[in-house]
């Protein structure tokens, strides 16, 4: 399966943060994972909803599931894992 990483997943994976679930770490380690340039934009300023919608749109348009713990993202019609 192919996955799009949300900003938390990227940062927590890169820094070995314990908040990244074991399932998310396993998915990242064993699947094709992608990131959005929007995540780097988000990191540079501040987290807010427009970035979530960009990730959701990218995931839907590219048939990707988002690795995220963000409780708002699953409210949209997009596949998520954590």
Protein backbone atom coordinates (compact mmCIF):
# COMPACT_ATOMS: atom_id res chain seq x y z
CA UNK A 1 0.00 0.00 0.00
CA UNK A 2 1.05 3.62 -0.49
CA UNK A 3 0.80 6.20 2.29
CA UNK A 4 0.94 9.97 2.67
CA UNK A 5 2.51 11.05 5.96
CA UNK A 6 1.01 13.92 7.89
CA UNK A 7 3.33 16.43 9.53
CA UNK A 8 3.24 14.78 12.96
CA UNK A 9 4.04 11.38 11.47
CA UNK A 10 7.03 12.83 9.58
CA UNK A 11 8.46 14.63 12.60
CA UNK A 12 7.79 11.89 15.13
CA UNK A 13 9.28 9.25 12.81
CA UNK A 14 12.39 11.30 12.05
CA UNK A 15 13.02 12.14 15.70
CA UNK A 16 12.10 8.72 17.12
CA UNK A 17 9.28 10.22 19.17
CA UNK A 18 7.36 7.69 21.29
CA UNK A 19 4.06 9.35 20.33
CA UNK A 20 4.30 7.64 16.92
CA UNK A 21 2.29 4.45 17.26
CA UNK A 22 3.97 1.09 16.69
CA UNK A 23 1.52 0.49 13.83
CA UNK A 24 2.41 3.81 12.17
CA UNK A 25 6.15 3.11 12.52
CA UNK A 26 5.67 -0.35 11.01
CA UNK A 27 3.63 1.06 8.11
CA UNK A 28 6.30 3.68 7.40
CA UNK A 29 9.12 1.14 7.62
CA UNK A 30 7.46 -1.40 5.32
CA UNK A 31 5.52 0.54 2.69
CA UNK A 32 5.90 3.24 0.07
CA UNK A 33 5.46 6.52 1.94
CA UNK A 34 5.19 10.02 0.58
CA UNK A 35 5.22 13.49 2.06
CA UNK A 36 3.64 16.72 0.98
CA UNK A 37 5.59 19.92 0.55
CA UNK A 38 2.64 21.39 2.45
CA UNK A 39 4.00 19.67 5.56
CA UNK A 40 7.24 21.62 5.31
CA UNK A 41 5.25 24.79 4.81
CA UNK A 42 3.20 23.90 7.88
CA UNK A 43 6.35 23.27 9.94
CA UNK A 44 7.71 26.65 8.94
CA UNK A 45 4.69 28.61 10.16
CA UNK A 46 2.01 26.97 12.25
CA UNK A 47 -0.47 24.09 12.16
CA UNK A 48 -3.96 24.92 10.98
CA UNK A 49 -6.83 23.47 8.93
CA UNK A 50 -5.83 24.59 5.40
CA UNK A 51 -2.84 22.24 5.55
CA UNK A 52 -5.08 19.35 6.56
CA UNK A 53 -7.27 19.96 3.52
CA UNK A 54 -4.22 20.01 1.25
CA UNK A 55 -3.08 16.64 2.62
CA UNK A 56 -6.59 15.21 2.29
CA UNK A 57 -6.86 16.39 -1.32
CA UNK A 58 -3.46 14.97 -2.21
CA UNK A 59 -4.27 11.63 -0.61
CA UNK A 60 -7.63 11.35 -2.38
CA UNK A 61 -6.22 12.40 -5.77
CA UNK A 62 -3.31 9.97 -5.53
CA UNK A 63 -5.17 7.04 -3.93
CA UNK A 64 -3.11 7.24 -0.74
CA UNK A 65 -3.96 6.54 2.88
CA UNK A 66 -2.77 9.15 5.40
CA UNK A 67 -0.76 8.06 8.43
CA UNK A 68 -2.08 10.47 11.05
CA UNK A 69 -3.28 10.72 14.62
CA UNK A 70 -5.19 13.92 13.82
CA UNK A 71 -8.78 13.24 14.89
CA UNK A 72 -10.18 15.73 12.34
CA UNK A 73 -8.80 14.11 9.19
CA UNK A 74 -10.90 10.89 9.39
CA UNK A 75 -14.01 13.10 9.37
CA UNK A 76 -13.32 13.56 5.64
CA UNK A 77 -13.74 10.86 3.02
CA UNK A 78 -10.12 9.71 3.12
CA UNK A 79 -8.44 6.53 4.30
CA UNK A 80 -6.29 6.89 7.43
CA UNK A 81 -4.09 4.65 9.57
CA UNK A 82 -2.36 5.10 12.90
